[in-house]
Protein backbone atom coordinates (compact mmCIF):
# COMPACT_ATOMS: atom_id res chain seq x y z
CA GLN A 1 0.00 0.00 0.00
CA VAL A 2 1.00 3.56 -0.72
CA GLN A 3 -0.23 6.59 1.18
CA LEU A 4 -0.12 10.08 -0.31
CA VAL A 5 -0.63 13.31 1.56
CA GLU A 6 -0.87 16.59 -0.32
CA SER A 7 -0.23 19.98 1.20
CA GLY A 8 0.41 23.55 0.18
CA GLY A 9 -2.99 24.60 -1.02
CA ASP A 10 -4.04 28.10 -0.05
CA LEU A 11 -5.88 31.25 -1.04
CA VAL A 12 -3.71 33.39 -3.30
CA GLN A 13 -4.21 36.42 -5.51
CA ALA A 14 -4.04 36.16 -9.26
CA GLY A 15 -0.46 36.38 -10.45
CA GLY A 16 0.85 34.73 -7.32
CA SER A 17 2.60 31.42 -6.79
CA LEU A 18 2.11 28.28 -4.77
CA LYS A 19 4.08 25.08 -4.38
CA LEU A 20 2.10 21.94 -3.71
CA SER A 21 3.69 18.93 -2.10
CA CYS A 22 2.72 15.28 -2.15
CA ALA A 23 4.45 13.13 0.44
CA ALA A 24 4.47 9.41 -0.24
CA SER A 25 4.89 6.58 2.24
CA GLY A 26 4.44 2.84 2.24
CA SER A 27 5.48 0.27 -0.33
CA ILE A 28 7.04 2.49 -2.96
CA PHE A 29 9.15 0.34 -5.24
CA SER A 30 8.71 1.36 -8.80
CA ILE A 31 6.96 4.56 -9.71
CA ASN A 32 5.84 4.59 -13.31
CA THR A 33 4.22 8.00 -13.41
CA ILE A 34 3.52 10.88 -11.08
CA ASP A 35 0.48 12.95 -11.93
CA TRP A 36 -1.13 16.08 -10.63
CA TYR A 37 -4.84 16.46 -11.31
CA ARG A 38 -7.21 19.23 -10.43
CA GLN A 39 -10.95 19.41 -10.09
CA ALA A 40 -12.57 22.79 -10.45
CA PRO A 41 -15.99 23.40 -8.93
CA GLY A 42 -18.65 21.73 -11.03
CA LYS A 43 -16.13 20.21 -13.43
CA GLN A 44 -14.51 16.85 -14.00
CA ARG A 45 -11.09 16.06 -12.65
CA GLU A 46 -8.42 16.85 -15.22
CA LEU A 47 -4.77 15.96 -15.61
CA VAL A 48 -2.55 19.03 -15.46
CA ALA A 49 0.98 17.60 -15.18
CA ARG A 50 2.80 14.28 -15.48
CA LEU A 51 6.32 13.14 -14.71
CA THR A 52 7.39 9.76 -16.00
CA SER A 53 9.97 7.39 -14.57
CA GLY A 54 12.24 8.40 -17.42
CA GLY A 55 12.06 12.04 -16.49
CA SER A 56 9.73 13.20 -19.24
CA THR A 57 7.15 15.79 -18.37
CA MET A 58 3.78 16.65 -19.84
CA TYR A 59 1.55 19.62 -19.09
CA SER A 60 -1.94 20.52 -20.11
CA ASP A 61 -2.22 23.47 -22.44
CA SER A 62 -3.83 25.53 -19.71
CA VAL A 63 -0.80 25.32 -17.40
CA GLN A 64 2.07 24.91 -19.87
CA GLY A 65 4.81 27.40 -19.08
CA ARG A 66 3.41 28.24 -15.65
CA PHE A 67 3.49 24.95 -13.71
CA THR A 68 6.45 22.66 -13.05
CA ILE A 69 6.25 19.11 -11.76
CA SER A 70 9.20 17.62 -9.91
CA ARG A 71 10.18 15.01 -7.34
CA ASP A 72 12.66 14.59 -4.53
CA ASN A 73 13.50 10.91 -4.32
CA ALA A 74 15.28 11.24 -1.00
CA LYS A 75 12.22 12.79 0.61
CA HIS A 76 9.68 10.61 -1.26
CA THR A 77 7.92 13.82 -2.14
CA MET A 78 6.51 15.20 -5.35
CA TYR A 79 5.90 18.83 -6.08
CA LEU A 80 3.87 21.08 -8.31
CA GLN A 81 5.25 24.60 -8.57
CA MET A 82 2.51 26.92 -9.78
CA ASN A 83 3.36 30.40 -10.99
CA SER A 84 1.35 33.21 -12.55
CA LEU A 85 -1.79 31.75 -11.06
CA LYS A 86 -5.13 32.59 -12.59
CA PRO A 87 -8.64 32.41 -11.13
CA GLU A 88 -9.33 29.47 -13.45
CA ASP A 89 -6.62 27.51 -11.63
CA THR A 90 -8.94 27.33 -8.64
CA GLY A 91 -9.81 23.81 -7.57
CA VAL A 92 -8.79 20.82 -5.53
CA TYR A 93 -5.44 19.42 -6.58
CA TYR A 94 -4.69 15.72 -6.28
CA CYS A 95 -1.50 13.79 -6.77
CA LYS A 96 -1.61 10.30 -8.21
CA LEU A 97 1.10 7.68 -8.39
CA ASN A 98 1.07 4.76 -10.77
CA VAL A 99 3.27 2.14 -9.20
CA GLY A 100 4.63 -1.30 -9.91
CA ALA A 101 5.08 -3.84 -12.64
CA TRP A 102 1.35 -4.64 -12.38
CA PRO A 103 0.44 -0.96 -12.36
CA LYS A 104 -1.79 0.36 -9.64
CA ASP A 105 -2.95 3.90 -9.01
CA TYR A 106 -2.83 5.63 -5.65
CA TRP A 107 -4.47 8.97 -4.94
CA GLY A 108 -4.00 11.57 -2.30
CA GLN A 109 -6.85 13.29 -0.50
CA GLY A 110 -6.42 16.59 -2.31
CA THR A 111 -5.42 20.11 -1.36
CA ARG A 112 -7.52 23.16 -2.17
CA VAL A 113 -6.22 26.07 -4.20
CA THR A 114 -8.24 29.24 -4.51
CA VAL A 115 -7.06 32.05 -6.77
CA SER A 116 -8.81 35.37 -6.30
CA SER A 117 -9.04 37.97 -9.04
């Protein structure tokens, strides 16, 4: 089992920055992908950033150039640096790990980001 705990969500003004963290614990052997999703009020959860085991990154068009996904292996922690925040970035942000040779997804509980205009 893998446990994920997100933190770092807050209320911030448009144009500001936040850094979200996702601390992992448990049976972490082989991480295939690290994802950050967000769910805006009244909308479906969407993928905003991905980091693969090979180090490749992918960002949604809406966050490209503003968000950066990273990981600290020593701390078993993943990050999402969010700059130039916009009101439309408001939502609950979730980290997800896909782990193992027989891949399984693990989700955190989410952290809320509110961007005021």
